[in-house]
Amino acid sequence: MSYLTWMWIGCIVYSTVWGVGLFRAYDDFNLTFLDECVSLFIGFSAIIIGYLAWNTYNAIKNTLKSDFAQVKQKL
């Protein structure tokens, strides 16, 4: 699947988690559960984004091959 597909899946899952947490928070009159759900989701998303960034870095490195060292020195 493409990154765009994963982004949409992430948006849908985040919206679902937030919605369920909000309705539960309304029942309990307490936003702690919603805060915990969103915090866990953001932590999990950070791991996925790191993984995708690492794969992107490696793809660029493999595409450039010998030119990668020259580009890296210019940065």
Protein backbone atom coordinates (compact mmCIF):
# COMPACT_ATOMS: atom_id res chain seq x y z
CA MET A 1 0.00 0.00 0.00
CA SER A 2 1.13 3.54 -0.60
CA TYR A 3 1.93 6.09 2.09
CA LEU A 4 -1.25 7.98 1.20
CA THR A 5 -3.33 4.87 1.89
CA TRP A 6 -1.63 4.43 5.27
CA MET A 7 -2.26 8.11 6.05
CA TRP A 8 -6.00 7.72 5.41
CA ILE A 9 -6.13 4.53 7.47
CA GLY A 10 -4.37 6.41 10.28
CA CYS A 11 -6.85 9.30 10.07
CA ILE A 12 -9.82 6.93 10.21
CA VAL A 13 -8.40 4.96 13.15
CA TYR A 14 -7.51 8.17 15.02
CA SER A 15 -10.99 9.58 14.48
CA THR A 16 -12.56 6.34 15.68
CA VAL A 17 -10.38 6.16 18.80
CA TRP A 18 -11.07 9.81 19.59
CA GLY A 19 -14.82 9.41 19.04
CA VAL A 20 -15.09 6.30 21.23
CA GLY A 21 -13.00 7.97 23.91
CA LEU A 22 -15.13 11.10 23.80
CA PHE A 23 -18.40 9.20 24.16
CA ARG A 24 -16.97 7.23 27.06
CA ALA A 25 -15.72 10.46 28.62
CA TYR A 26 -19.23 11.93 28.33
CA ASP A 27 -20.62 8.94 30.22
CA ASP A 28 -18.06 9.23 33.04
CA PHE A 29 -17.75 13.06 33.01
CA ASN A 30 -13.99 12.49 32.93
CA LEU A 31 -11.56 13.16 30.06
CA THR A 32 -8.78 10.95 31.47
CA PHE A 33 -9.71 7.95 29.33
CA LEU A 34 -9.77 10.09 26.17
CA ASP A 35 -6.37 11.57 27.05
CA GLU A 36 -4.89 8.09 27.57
CA CYS A 37 -6.31 6.77 24.27
CA VAL A 38 -5.01 9.70 22.24
CA SER A 39 -1.60 9.61 23.96
CA LEU A 40 -1.19 5.90 23.22
CA PHE A 41 -2.26 6.39 19.61
CA ILE A 42 0.21 9.25 19.09
CA GLY A 43 3.00 7.15 20.61
CA PHE A 44 2.17 4.24 18.32
CA SER A 45 1.97 6.59 15.33
CA ALA A 46 5.42 7.98 16.13
CA ILE A 47 6.88 4.48 15.87
CA ILE A 48 5.19 3.92 12.50
CA ILE A 49 6.33 7.32 11.18
CA GLY A 50 9.90 6.56 12.29
CA TYR A 51 9.78 3.23 10.47
CA LEU A 52 8.46 4.86 7.28
CA ALA A 53 11.07 7.63 7.51
CA TRP A 54 13.86 5.05 7.87
CA ASN A 55 12.58 3.15 4.80
CA THR A 56 12.41 6.42 2.84
CA TYR A 57 15.99 7.24 3.86
CA ASN A 58 17.20 3.81 2.73
CA ALA A 59 15.30 4.07 -0.56
CA ILE A 60 16.93 7.42 -1.32
CA LYS A 61 20.32 6.04 -0.32
CA ASN A 62 19.92 3.00 -2.59
CA THR A 63 18.70 5.13 -5.49
CA LEU A 64 21.59 7.59 -5.30
CA LYS A 65 24.22 4.93 -4.45
CA SER A 66 27.63 6.58 -4.94
CA ASP A 67 26.16 10.08 -5.20
CA PHE A 68 24.70 9.76 -1.69
CA ALA A 69 28.01 10.59 0.02
CA GLN A 70 28.40 13.74 -2.11
CA VAL A 71 24.87 14.90 -1.33
CA LYS A 72 25.35 14.17 2.38
CA GLN A 73 28.58 16.25 2.46
CA LYS A 74 26.79 19.24 0.92
CA LEU A 75 24.21 19.22 3.69
